[in-house]
Amino acid sequence: MTLVVGFDLDMTLLDSRPGIVKSMRALSADTGVPIDVDVVLNRLGPKLEVELAEWFPAAAVPAMCDLYRKHYHEYCVGGGTRLFAGARESVDAVRARNGTVLIVTAKSEPLSHRCLDEVGLSADVVVGHVHGNEKRDALRAHDARVYVGDTIPDVHAGIGAGAAAVAVATGMHTAQQLADAGATVVFETLEPFPEWLREHFGDRRTTP
């Protein structure tokens, strides 16, 4: 059976904060609506629509999302997206076992691909614009055995899908909060993940 490992993107594999900051500031400049970027950064995880509903009337949110994404398309590259420590090695560890790298993220699929290209990572499957139980369902649909994320909803999605819920404390939730949510294991960074994967799923395999 192919080992399928799911990863969240923002604040798990990718530090997307530089591009988000520039895009939110551009959106604020376009609309004249003050947006506290620090507040935005401290609750990254849900879909864009959820965040922008905190700053704009409900009827305006779809148009504001479109405008934000136009800015983000520009600002997520050229240094707007960075890899977290251990991210490349974690993806490589899955591939070394002939595994499938599955991205399950609240970010839209086109922008997910653009951010992955920016940092030189590739995924076998990208499921975008999903959160909470939608992530759980995507993990189930692809028979994921592991899901790596940085938020409590990520932990719950992994558990709900019957996967090992690997949490990294690189986002808005602390290691203790992630552990209390039921994570299988919690790391401060992704750097220990390749060794954890080896311990639980065997040594490297180079043939199908």
N, C-alpha and C. Protein backbone atom coordinates (compact mmCIF):
# COMPACT_ATOMS: atom_id res chain seq x y z
N MET A 1 0.84 -1.19 0.00
CA MET A 1 0.00 0.00 0.00
C MET A 1 0.89 1.25 0.00
N THR A 2 0.56 2.18 -0.88
CA THR A 2 1.33 3.43 -0.95
C THR A 2 1.12 4.26 0.30
N LEU A 3 2.20 4.77 0.83
CA LEU A 3 2.13 5.65 1.99
C LEU A 3 1.72 7.04 1.52
N VAL A 4 0.57 7.51 1.97
CA VAL A 4 0.09 8.85 1.63
C VAL A 4 0.24 9.73 2.87
N VAL A 5 1.00 10.80 2.73
CA VAL A 5 1.22 11.73 3.83
C VAL A 5 0.68 13.09 3.43
N GLY A 6 -0.25 13.59 4.21
CA GLY A 6 -0.83 14.90 3.95
C GLY A 6 -0.10 15.98 4.73
N PHE A 7 0.03 17.13 4.11
CA PHE A 7 0.63 18.30 4.76
C PHE A 7 -0.30 19.50 4.58
N ASP A 8 -0.46 20.27 5.64
CA ASP A 8 -1.00 21.61 5.51
C ASP A 8 0.10 22.49 4.90
N LEU A 9 -0.28 23.67 4.39
CA LEU A 9 0.73 24.56 3.81
C LEU A 9 1.13 25.68 4.76
N ASP A 10 0.25 26.67 4.91
CA ASP A 10 0.61 27.88 5.65
C ASP A 10 0.93 27.56 7.10
N MET A 11 2.11 27.97 7.53
CA MET A 11 2.60 27.81 8.89
C MET A 11 2.89 26.36 9.25
N THR A 12 2.88 25.48 8.25
CA THR A 12 3.32 24.10 8.45
C THR A 12 4.54 23.85 7.58
N LEU A 13 4.36 23.76 6.27
CA LEU A 13 5.50 23.70 5.36
C LEU A 13 6.03 25.08 5.03
N LEU A 14 5.10 26.03 4.87
CA LEU A 14 5.46 27.34 4.34
C LEU A 14 5.24 28.45 5.35
N ASP A 15 6.24 29.33 5.45
CA ASP A 15 6.06 30.59 6.16
C ASP A 15 5.59 31.60 5.13
N SER A 16 4.30 31.78 5.07
CA SER A 16 3.68 32.63 4.06
C SER A 16 3.42 34.04 4.57
N ARG A 17 3.92 34.35 5.75
CA ARG A 17 3.61 35.64 6.36
C ARG A 17 4.09 36.86 5.56
N PRO A 18 5.28 36.83 4.95
CA PRO A 18 5.69 38.03 4.20
C PRO A 18 4.70 38.41 3.09
N GLY A 19 4.25 37.43 2.31
CA GLY A 19 3.31 37.71 1.24
C GLY A 19 1.95 38.11 1.74
N ILE A 20 1.53 37.50 2.85
CA ILE A 20 0.23 37.85 3.43
C ILE A 20 0.24 39.28 3.94
N VAL A 21 1.31 39.67 4.61
CA VAL A 21 1.41 41.04 5.13
C VAL A 21 1.28 42.05 4.00
N LYS A 22 2.03 41.86 2.94
CA LYS A 22 1.99 42.81 1.82
C LYS A 22 0.61 42.83 1.17
N SER A 23 0.00 41.66 1.05
CA SER A 23 -1.30 41.58 0.38
C SER A 23 -2.39 42.22 1.22
N MET A 24 -2.36 42.00 2.52
CA MET A 24 -3.36 42.61 3.39
C MET A 24 -3.19 44.13 3.42
N ARG A 25 -1.97 44.60 3.44
CA ARG A 25 -1.75 46.04 3.42
C ARG A 25 -2.21 46.65 2.10
N ALA A 26 -2.01 45.94 1.00
CA ALA A 26 -2.46 46.43 -0.30
C ALA A 26 -3.98 46.47 -0.35
N LEU A 27 -4.63 45.43 0.21
CA LEU A 27 -6.09 45.40 0.25
C LEU A 27 -6.62 46.55 1.09
N SER A 28 -5.98 46.81 2.21
CA SER A 28 -6.39 47.92 3.06
C SER A 28 -6.24 49.25 2.33
N ALA A 29 -5.13 49.40 1.60
CA ALA A 29 -4.90 50.65 0.85
C ALA A 29 -5.94 50.82 -0.25
N ASP A 30 -6.30 49.72 -0.91
CA ASP A 30 -7.29 49.79 -1.99
C ASP A 30 -8.66 50.20 -1.48
N THR A 31 -9.03 49.70 -0.31
CA THR A 31 -10.41 49.85 0.16
C THR A 31 -10.58 50.95 1.21
N GLY A 32 -9.48 51.39 1.81
CA GLY A 32 -9.57 52.35 2.90
C GLY A 32 -10.02 51.75 4.21
N VAL A 33 -10.10 50.43 4.27
CA VAL A 33 -10.52 49.74 5.49
C VAL A 33 -9.28 49.35 6.29
N PRO A 34 -9.15 49.82 7.52
CA PRO A 34 -8.00 49.43 8.34
C PRO A 34 -8.03 47.93 8.65
N ILE A 35 -6.91 47.27 8.43
CA ILE A 35 -6.77 45.84 8.74
C ILE A 35 -5.56 45.69 9.64
N ASP A 36 -5.75 45.13 10.80
CA ASP A 36 -4.65 44.89 11.73
C ASP A 36 -3.94 43.62 11.31
N VAL A 37 -2.81 43.78 10.65
CA VAL A 37 -2.11 42.64 10.07
C VAL A 37 -1.61 41.68 11.16
N ASP A 38 -1.22 42.21 12.30
CA ASP A 38 -0.76 41.33 13.38
C ASP A 38 -1.88 40.41 13.85
N VAL A 39 -3.09 40.93 13.90
CA VAL A 39 -4.24 40.10 14.27
C VAL A 39 -4.44 39.00 13.24
N VAL A 40 -4.35 39.37 11.97
CA VAL A 40 -4.50 38.38 10.89
C VAL A 40 -3.47 37.28 11.03
N LEU A 41 -2.23 37.65 11.25
CA LEU A 41 -1.15 36.66 11.32
C LEU A 41 -1.33 35.73 12.51
N ASN A 42 -1.93 36.21 13.57
CA ASN A 42 -2.08 35.40 14.77
C ASN A 42 -3.23 34.41 14.70
N ARG A 43 -3.99 34.40 13.59
CA ARG A 43 -5.07 33.42 13.47
C ARG A 43 -5.10 32.79 12.07
N LEU A 44 -3.94 32.64 11.46
CA LEU A 44 -3.87 31.97 10.17
C LEU A 44 -4.29 30.51 10.31
N GLY A 45 -5.05 30.05 9.34
CA GLY A 45 -5.52 28.66 9.35
C GLY A 45 -6.83 28.49 8.62
N PRO A 46 -7.88 29.22 9.01
CA PRO A 46 -9.16 29.12 8.29
C PRO A 46 -9.07 29.70 6.88
N LYS A 47 -10.16 29.53 6.15
CA LYS A 47 -10.21 30.06 4.79
C LYS A 47 -10.14 31.59 4.79
N LEU A 48 -9.70 32.12 3.68
CA LEU A 48 -9.61 33.57 3.51
C LEU A 48 -10.95 34.25 3.78
N GLU A 49 -12.03 33.63 3.33
CA GLU A 49 -13.35 34.23 3.50
C GLU A 49 -13.67 34.47 4.97
N VAL A 50 -13.23 33.57 5.82
CA VAL A 50 -13.49 33.71 7.26
C VAL A 50 -12.75 34.92 7.81
N GLU A 51 -11.49 35.06 7.41
CA GLU A 51 -10.71 36.20 7.91
C GLU A 51 -11.26 37.52 7.39
N LEU A 52 -11.56 37.61 6.12
CA LEU A 52 -12.00 38.89 5.57
C LEU A 52 -13.39 39.28 6.07
N ALA A 53 -14.17 38.31 6.52
CA ALA A 53 -15.47 38.62 7.11
C ALA A 53 -15.32 39.39 8.43
N GLU A 54 -14.12 39.35 9.01
CA GLU A 54 -13.86 40.13 10.22
C GLU A 54 -13.65 41.61 9.93
N TRP A 55 -13.41 41.94 8.66
CA TRP A 55 -13.05 43.32 8.31
C TRP A 55 -14.03 43.97 7.34
N PHE A 56 -14.82 43.15 6.64
CA PHE A 56 -15.72 43.68 5.61
C PHE A 56 -17.13 43.13 5.80
N PRO A 57 -18.15 43.85 5.35
CA PRO A 57 -19.52 43.33 5.39
C PRO A 57 -19.62 42.03 4.59
N ALA A 58 -20.53 41.17 4.99
CA ALA A 58 -20.66 39.86 4.35
C ALA A 58 -20.83 39.97 2.84
N ALA A 59 -21.62 40.93 2.39
CA ALA A 59 -21.88 41.06 0.96
C ALA A 59 -20.64 41.42 0.17
N ALA A 60 -19.66 42.03 0.82
CA ALA A 60 -18.45 42.47 0.13
C ALA A 60 -17.35 41.42 0.13
N VAL A 61 -17.50 40.37 0.95
CA VAL A 61 -16.40 39.42 1.14
C VAL A 61 -15.96 38.73 -0.15
N PRO A 62 -16.86 38.23 -0.99
CA PRO A 62 -16.38 37.57 -2.21
C PRO A 62 -15.51 38.48 -3.08
N ALA A 63 -15.92 39.72 -3.27
CA ALA A 63 -15.13 40.65 -4.08
C ALA A 63 -13.80 40.96 -3.40
N MET A 64 -13.81 41.08 -2.08
CA MET A 64 -12.57 41.36 -1.35
C MET A 64 -11.60 40.17 -1.43
N CYS A 65 -12.14 38.97 -1.43
CA CYS A 65 -11.29 37.79 -1.60
C CYS A 65 -10.62 37.80 -2.97
N ASP A 66 -11.39 38.13 -3.99
CA ASP A 66 -10.82 38.20 -5.34
C ASP A 66 -9.70 39.23 -5.41
N LEU A 67 -9.95 40.38 -4.80
CA LEU A 67 -8.95 41.44 -4.83
C LEU A 67 -7.71 41.04 -4.05
N TYR A 68 -7.91 40.46 -2.87
CA TYR A 68 -6.76 40.00 -2.08
C TYR A 68 -5.94 38.98 -2.87
N ARG A 69 -6.61 38.04 -3.51
CA ARG A 69 -5.89 36.98 -4.23
C ARG A 69 -5.09 37.55 -5.39
N LYS A 70 -5.58 38.60 -6.01
CA LYS A 70 -4.79 39.26 -7.07
C LYS A 70 -3.50 39.82 -6.49
N HIS A 71 -3.60 40.46 -5.34
CA HIS A 71 -2.40 40.97 -4.69
C HIS A 71 -1.49 39.82 -4.26
N TYR A 72 -2.07 38.78 -3.70
CA TYR A 72 -1.25 37.68 -3.19
C TYR A 72 -0.53 36.96 -4.33
N HIS A 73 -1.17 36.88 -5.49
CA HIS A 73 -0.52 36.28 -6.65
C HIS A 73 0.80 36.99 -6.94
N GLU A 74 0.83 38.28 -6.74
CA GLU A 74 2.06 39.06 -6.94
C GLU A 74 3.01 38.93 -5.77
N TYR A 75 2.49 39.00 -4.56
CA TYR A 75 3.36 39.13 -3.38
C TYR A 75 3.80 37.80 -2.77
N CYS A 76 3.20 36.69 -3.17
CA CYS A 76 3.62 35.41 -2.60
C CYS A 76 4.94 34.92 -3.19
N VAL A 77 5.42 35.57 -4.25
CA VAL A 77 6.70 35.22 -4.85
C VAL A 77 7.71 36.32 -4.53
N GLY A 78 8.95 36.12 -4.99
CA GLY A 78 9.97 37.13 -4.74
C GLY A 78 10.28 37.32 -3.26
N GLY A 79 10.26 36.22 -2.52
CA GLY A 79 10.52 36.29 -1.08
C GLY A 79 9.28 36.31 -0.23
N GLY A 80 8.11 36.28 -0.85
CA GLY A 80 6.87 36.32 -0.09
C GLY A 80 6.50 35.00 0.55
N THR A 81 7.17 33.93 0.15
CA THR A 81 6.93 32.60 0.72
C THR A 81 8.27 31.98 1.03
N ARG A 82 8.40 31.43 2.24
CA ARG A 82 9.65 30.81 2.66
C ARG A 82 9.37 29.43 3.23
N LEU A 83 10.35 28.57 3.16
CA LEU A 83 10.22 27.23 3.74
C LEU A 83 10.54 27.27 5.23
N PHE A 84 9.77 26.53 6.00
CA PHE A 84 10.14 26.32 7.39
C PHE A 84 11.27 25.30 7.48
N ALA A 85 12.04 25.39 8.53
CA ALA A 85 13.10 24.41 8.78
C ALA A 85 12.52 23.00 8.79
N GLY A 86 13.14 22.11 8.05
CA GLY A 86 12.70 20.73 8.01
C GLY A 86 11.64 20.42 6.98
N ALA A 87 11.12 21.44 6.30
CA ALA A 87 10.03 21.21 5.35
C ALA A 87 10.50 20.39 4.16
N ARG A 88 11.58 20.79 3.54
CA ARG A 88 12.05 20.06 2.36
C ARG A 88 12.43 18.63 2.73
N GLU A 89 13.09 18.48 3.86
CA GLU A 89 13.50 17.15 4.30
C GLU A 89 12.29 16.27 4.61
N SER A 90 11.22 16.87 5.11
CA SER A 90 10.01 16.10 5.42
C SER A 90 9.35 15.59 4.15
N VAL A 91 9.25 16.44 3.13
CA VAL A 91 8.71 16.01 1.84
C VAL A 91 9.61 14.95 1.22
N ASP A 92 10.92 15.16 1.29
CA ASP A 92 11.86 14.18 0.73
C ASP A 92 11.74 12.83 1.43
N ALA A 93 11.46 12.85 2.74
CA ALA A 93 11.34 11.60 3.48
C ALA A 93 10.15 10.78 3.01
N VAL A 94 9.07 11.45 2.62
CA VAL A 94 7.92 10.75 2.06
C VAL A 94 8.27 10.15 0.71
N ARG A 95 8.91 10.93 -0.13
CA ARG A 95 9.28 10.44 -1.46
C ARG A 95 10.28 9.30 -1.38
N ALA A 96 11.16 9.33 -0.38
CA ALA A 96 12.15 8.27 -0.23
C ALA A 96 11.50 6.92 0.04
N ARG A 97 10.26 6.94 0.51
CA ARG A 97 9.51 5.71 0.75
C ARG A 97 8.50 5.45 -0.36
N ASN A 98 8.73 6.07 -1.52
CA ASN A 98 7.81 5.96 -2.65
C ASN A 98 6.40 6.38 -2.25
N GLY A 99 6.32 7.32 -1.32
CA GLY A 99 5.04 7.78 -0.85
C GLY A 99 4.45 8.89 -1.69
N THR A 100 3.22 9.21 -1.39
CA THR A 100 2.49 10.29 -2.06
C THR A 100 2.45 11.50 -1.16
N VAL A 101 2.87 12.64 -1.70
CA VAL A 101 2.82 13.90 -0.98
C VAL A 101 1.50 14.58 -1.32
N LEU A 102 0.65 14.69 -0.32
CA LEU A 102 -0.70 15.24 -0.48
C LEU A 102 -0.77 16.56 0.29
N ILE A 103 -1.10 17.64 -0.41
CA ILE A 103 -1.29 18.93 0.24
C ILE A 103 -2.78 19.14 0.45
N VAL A 104 -3.16 19.41 1.69
CA VAL A 104 -4.57 19.68 2.03
C VAL A 104 -4.58 21.00 2.79
N THR A 105 -5.13 22.04 2.17
CA THR A 105 -4.93 23.40 2.66
C THR A 105 -6.14 24.28 2.44
N ALA A 106 -6.26 25.30 3.26
CA ALA A 106 -7.32 26.30 3.06
C ALA A 106 -6.99 27.26 1.93
N LYS A 107 -5.73 27.31 1.53
CA LYS A 107 -5.34 28.18 0.42
C LYS A 107 -5.90 27.64 -0.90
N SER A 108 -6.22 28.52 -1.83
CA SER A 108 -6.74 28.07 -3.12
C SER A 108 -5.70 27.22 -3.84
N GLU A 109 -6.16 26.32 -4.69
CA GLU A 109 -5.22 25.44 -5.39
C GLU A 109 -4.26 26.21 -6.30
N PRO A 110 -4.73 27.19 -7.10
CA PRO A 110 -3.77 27.91 -7.94
C PRO A 110 -2.68 28.61 -7.13
N LEU A 111 -3.05 29.24 -6.03
CA LEU A 111 -2.06 29.93 -5.22
C LEU A 111 -1.19 28.94 -4.45
N SER A 112 -1.72 27.78 -4.12
CA SER A 112 -0.90 26.75 -3.49
C SER A 112 0.22 26.32 -4.43
N HIS A 113 -0.14 26.07 -5.68
CA HIS A 113 0.89 25.68 -6.65
C HIS A 113 1.91 26.79 -6.84
N ARG A 114 1.46 28.02 -6.88
CA ARG A 114 2.39 29.14 -7.07
C ARG A 114 3.37 29.25 -5.89
N CYS A 115 2.87 29.07 -4.69
CA CYS A 115 3.75 29.13 -3.52
C CYS A 115 4.71 27.95 -3.49
N LEU A 116 4.24 26.77 -3.83
CA LEU A 116 5.13 25.61 -3.88
C LEU A 116 6.22 25.80 -4.92
N ASP A 117 5.86 26.34 -6.07
CA ASP A 117 6.86 26.61 -7.10
C ASP A 117 7.89 27.62 -6.61
N GLU A 118 7.44 28.61 -5.85
CA GLU A 118 8.34 29.65 -5.35
C GLU A 118 9.45 29.06 -4.48
N VAL A 119 9.13 28.05 -3.70
CA VAL A 119 10.13 27.48 -2.79
C VAL A 119 10.74 26.19 -3.33
N GLY A 120 10.32 25.77 -4.53
CA GLY A 120 10.92 24.59 -5.14
C GLY A 120 10.46 23.27 -4.55
N LEU A 121 9.22 23.21 -4.09
CA LEU A 121 8.64 21.95 -3.64
C LEU A 121 7.59 21.49 -4.64
N SER A 122 7.41 20.19 -4.73
CA SER A 122 6.35 19.67 -5.59
C SER A 122 5.49 18.71 -4.78
N ALA A 123 4.23 18.65 -5.14
CA ALA A 123 3.29 17.75 -4.49
C ALA A 123 2.66 16.85 -5.54
N ASP A 124 2.27 15.67 -5.13
CA ASP A 124 1.59 14.75 -6.05
C ASP A 124 0.13 15.13 -6.21
N VAL A 125 -0.48 15.60 -5.13
CA VAL A 125 -1.89 15.99 -5.14
C VAL A 125 -2.03 17.24 -4.28
N VAL A 126 -2.80 18.21 -4.78
CA VAL A 126 -3.12 19.40 -3.99
C VAL A 126 -4.64 19.52 -3.90
N VAL A 127 -5.13 19.54 -2.68
CA VAL A 127 -6.55 19.79 -2.43
C VAL A 127 -6.63 21.13 -1.72
N GLY A 128 -7.16 22.13 -2.39
CA GLY A 128 -7.17 23.48 -1.86
C GLY A 128 -8.55 23.95 -1.44
N HIS A 129 -8.55 25.07 -0.70
CA HIS A 129 -9.76 25.75 -0.24
C HIS A 129 -10.64 24.83 0.59
N VAL A 130 -10.00 24.10 1.52
CA VAL A 130 -10.73 23.22 2.44
C VAL A 130 -10.26 23.52 3.86
N HIS A 131 -11.16 23.31 4.80
CA HIS A 131 -10.84 23.55 6.21
C HIS A 131 -11.72 22.66 7.07
N GLY A 132 -11.24 22.34 8.27
CA GLY A 132 -12.04 21.56 9.21
C GLY A 132 -12.44 20.21 8.66
N ASN A 133 -13.73 19.92 8.69
CA ASN A 133 -14.21 18.62 8.22
C ASN A 133 -13.97 18.41 6.73
N GLU A 134 -13.83 19.49 5.98
CA GLU A 134 -13.49 19.34 4.56
C GLU A 134 -12.09 18.75 4.42
N LYS A 135 -11.18 19.15 5.30
CA LYS A 135 -9.85 18.54 5.29
C LYS A 135 -9.94 17.06 5.66
N ARG A 136 -10.71 16.77 6.69
CA ARG A 136 -10.91 15.37 7.08
C ARG A 136 -11.39 14.53 5.90
N ASP A 137 -12.37 15.04 5.17
CA ASP A 137 -12.93 14.29 4.04
C ASP A 137 -11.91 14.11 2.93
N ALA A 138 -11.08 15.12 2.68
CA ALA A 138 -10.04 15.01 1.66
C ALA A 138 -9.00 13.97 2.06
N LEU A 139 -8.63 13.95 3.33
CA LEU A 139 -7.67 12.96 3.81
C LEU A 139 -8.24 11.56 3.66
N ARG A 140 -9.50 11.39 4.01
CA ARG A 140 -10.15 10.09 3.85
C ARG A 140 -10.17 9.67 2.38
N ALA A 141 -10.53 10.61 1.52
CA ALA A 141 -10.66 10.28 0.09
C ALA A 141 -9.35 9.80 -0.51
N HIS A 142 -8.24 10.27 0.04
CA HIS A 142 -6.92 9.89 -0.49
C HIS A 142 -6.20 8.88 0.38
N ASP A 143 -6.92 8.30 1.34
CA ASP A 143 -6.36 7.26 2.22
C ASP A 143 -5.07 7.71 2.90
N ALA A 144 -5.05 8.94 3.37
CA ALA A 144 -3.85 9.45 4.04
C ALA A 144 -3.64 8.71 5.36
N ARG A 145 -2.41 8.37 5.61
CA ARG A 145 -2.07 7.69 6.87
C ARG A 145 -1.48 8.66 7.89
N VAL A 146 -1.06 9.83 7.41
CA VAL A 146 -0.50 10.85 8.28
C VAL A 146 -1.00 12.20 7.79
N TYR A 147 -1.30 13.09 8.72
CA TYR A 147 -1.57 14.48 8.35
C TYR A 147 -0.77 15.38 9.26
N VAL A 148 -0.02 16.28 8.66
CA VAL A 148 0.87 17.18 9.39
C VAL A 148 0.30 18.58 9.29
N GLY A 149 0.02 19.21 10.44
CA GLY A 149 -0.54 20.55 10.43
C GLY A 149 -0.16 21.31 11.68
N ASP A 150 -0.57 22.58 11.72
CA ASP A 150 -0.16 23.45 12.82
C ASP A 150 -1.31 23.94 13.69
N THR A 151 -2.53 23.54 13.40
CA THR A 151 -3.67 24.05 14.15
C THR A 151 -4.49 22.93 14.77
N ILE A 152 -5.31 23.30 15.75
CA ILE A 152 -6.20 22.32 16.37
C ILE A 152 -7.17 21.71 15.34
N PRO A 153 -7.78 22.51 14.43
CA PRO A 153 -8.61 21.88 13.40
C PRO A 153 -7.83 20.89 12.52
N ASP A 154 -6.54 21.13 12.30
CA ASP A 154 -5.73 20.16 11.55
C ASP A 154 -5.62 18.85 12.32
N VAL A 155 -5.38 18.96 13.62
CA VAL A 155 -5.31 17.77 14.45
C VAL A 155 -6.63 17.00 14.38
N HIS A 156 -7.74 17.70 14.52
CA HIS A 156 -9.04 17.05 14.48
C HIS A 156 -9.31 16.42 13.11
N ALA A 157 -8.86 17.09 12.04
CA ALA A 157 -9.05 16.52 10.70
C ALA A 157 -8.28 15.22 10.55
N GLY A 158 -7.04 15.21 11.03
CA GLY A 158 -6.26 13.99 10.95
C GLY A 158 -6.88 12.85 11.74
N ILE A 159 -7.29 13.15 12.98
CA ILE A 159 -7.92 12.13 13.81
C ILE A 159 -9.20 11.62 13.17
N GLY A 160 -10.01 12.56 12.66
CA GLY A 160 -11.27 12.17 12.03
C GLY A 160 -11.10 11.31 10.80
N ALA A 161 -9.96 11.47 10.14
CA ALA A 161 -9.68 10.67 8.94
C ALA A 161 -9.02 9.35 9.27
N GLY A 162 -8.75 9.10 10.55
CA GLY A 162 -8.08 7.87 10.93
C GLY A 162 -6.59 7.88 10.66
N ALA A 163 -6.02 9.07 10.54
CA ALA A 163 -4.60 9.21 10.25
C ALA A 163 -3.85 9.61 11.52
N ALA A 164 -2.55 9.41 11.51
CA ALA A 164 -1.72 9.94 12.58
C ALA A 164 -1.71 11.45 12.46
N ALA A 165 -2.05 12.13 13.53
CA ALA A 165 -2.13 13.60 13.51
C ALA A 165 -0.83 14.16 14.07
N VAL A 166 0.05 14.57 13.17
CA VAL A 166 1.34 15.14 13.55
C VAL A 166 1.20 16.65 13.58
N ALA A 167 1.47 17.24 14.72
CA ALA A 167 1.30 18.68 14.88
C ALA A 167 2.65 19.36 15.04
N VAL A 168 2.76 20.55 14.45
CA VAL A 168 3.96 21.38 14.63
C VAL A 168 3.52 22.72 15.22
N ALA A 169 4.26 23.15 16.24
CA ALA A 169 3.88 24.37 16.97
C ALA A 169 4.50 25.60 16.32
N THR A 170 4.28 25.73 15.01
CA THR A 170 4.82 26.86 14.25
C THR A 170 3.74 27.86 13.89
N GLY A 171 2.51 27.58 14.29
CA GLY A 171 1.40 28.47 13.96
C GLY A 171 0.81 29.10 15.20
N MET A 172 -0.52 29.25 15.21
CA MET A 172 -1.17 30.03 16.27
C MET A 172 -1.40 29.24 17.55
N HIS A 173 -1.22 27.92 17.52
CA HIS A 173 -1.47 27.11 18.71
C HIS A 173 -0.16 26.62 19.31
N THR A 174 -0.13 26.58 20.64
CA THR A 174 1.06 26.12 21.34
C THR A 174 1.16 24.60 21.29
N ALA A 175 2.34 24.11 21.63
CA ALA A 175 2.53 22.67 21.68
C ALA A 175 1.57 22.02 22.66
N GLN A 176 1.34 22.66 23.80
CA GLN A 176 0.42 22.10 24.79
C GLN A 176 -1.01 22.06 24.27
N GLN A 177 -1.43 23.12 23.60
CA GLN A 177 -2.79 23.14 23.03
C GLN A 177 -2.96 22.04 21.99
N LEU A 178 -1.95 21.83 21.19
CA LEU A 178 -2.02 20.79 20.16
C LEU A 178 -2.05 19.40 20.79
N ALA A 179 -1.25 19.22 21.83
CA ALA A 179 -1.26 17.94 22.54
C ALA A 179 -2.62 17.70 23.19
N ASP A 180 -3.17 18.73 23.81
CA ASP A 180 -4.47 18.61 24.46
C ASP A 180 -5.58 18.30 23.47
N ALA A 181 -5.39 18.72 22.21
CA ALA A 181 -6.39 18.45 21.16
C ALA A 181 -6.36 17.01 20.69
N GLY A 182 -5.33 16.26 21.12
CA GLY A 182 -5.27 14.85 20.78
C GLY A 182 -4.24 14.48 19.73
N ALA A 183 -3.31 15.38 19.43
CA ALA A 183 -2.30 15.08 18.42
C ALA A 183 -1.54 13.80 18.77
N THR A 184 -1.24 13.03 17.76
CA THR A 184 -0.45 11.81 17.95
C THR A 184 0.93 12.14 18.48
N VAL A 185 1.52 13.19 17.93
CA VAL A 185 2.82 13.67 18.35
C VAL A 185 2.89 15.16 18.04
N VAL A 186 3.63 15.90 18.83
CA VAL A 186 3.79 17.34 18.62
C VAL A 186 5.27 17.66 18.55
N PHE A 187 5.66 18.41 17.52
CA PHE A 187 7.03 18.88 17.38
C PHE A 187 7.03 20.41 17.39
N GLU A 188 8.12 20.97 17.86
CA GLU A 188 8.27 22.42 17.80
C GLU A 188 8.50 22.89 16.37
N THR A 189 9.20 22.09 15.59
CA THR A 189 9.44 22.36 14.16
C THR A 189 9.28 21.04 13.41
N LEU A 190 9.39 21.11 12.10
CA LEU A 190 9.30 19.90 11.27
C LEU A 190 10.60 19.08 11.27
N GLU A 191 11.64 19.61 11.84
CA GLU A 191 12.94 18.94 11.72
C GLU A 191 12.96 17.50 12.24
N PRO A 192 12.22 17.16 13.31
CA PRO A 192 12.23 15.75 13.75
C PRO A 192 11.34 14.83 12.93
N PHE A 193 10.54 15.38 12.03
CA PHE A 193 9.54 14.56 11.34
C PHE A 193 10.15 13.44 10.50
N PRO A 194 11.21 13.66 9.71
CA PRO A 194 11.75 12.55 8.92
C PRO A 194 12.14 11.34 9.75
N GLU A 195 12.73 11.58 10.91
CA GLU A 195 13.10 10.46 11.78
C GLU A 195 11.86 9.79 12.35
N TRP A 196 10.85 10.57 12.73
CA TRP A 196 9.60 9.99 13.20
C TRP A 196 8.97 9.12 12.13
N LEU A 197 9.00 9.59 10.89
CA LEU A 197 8.43 8.82 9.79
C LEU A 197 9.19 7.51 9.61
N ARG A 198 10.51 7.56 9.73
CA ARG A 198 11.32 6.35 9.60
C ARG A 198 10.97 5.35 10.71
N GLU A 199 10.82 5.85 11.92
CA GLU A 199 10.53 4.96 13.04
C GLU A 199 9.18 4.28 12.89
N HIS A 200 8.21 4.98 12.30
CA HIS A 200 6.85 4.45 12.23
C HIS A 200 6.52 3.76 10.91
N PHE A 201 7.26 4.09 9.86
CA PHE A 201 6.93 3.53 8.54
C PHE A 201 8.13 2.90 7.85
N GLY A 202 9.19 2.63 8.60
CA GLY A 202 10.30 1.88 8.05
C GLY A 202 11.37 2.73 7.39
N ASP A 203 12.42 2.05 6.97
CA ASP A 203 13.55 2.72 6.34
C ASP A 203 13.23 3.11 4.91
N ARG A 204 14.18 3.84 4.34
CA ARG A 204 14.01 4.29 2.96
C ARG A 204 13.83 3.13 2.00
N ARG A 205 12.98 3.35 1.01
CA ARG A 205 12.80 2.36 -0.06
C ARG A 205 13.00 3.08 -1.38
N THR A 206 13.77 2.49 -2.25
CA THR A 206 14.08 3.14 -3.51
C THR A 206 13.43 2.46 -4.71
N THR A 207 12.69 1.39 -4.46
CA THR A 207 11.99 0.71 -5.55
C THR A 207 10.53 0.58 -5.17
N PRO A 208 9.65 0.55 -6.18
CA PRO A 208 8.21 0.44 -5.87
C PRO A 208 7.90 -0.83 -5.09
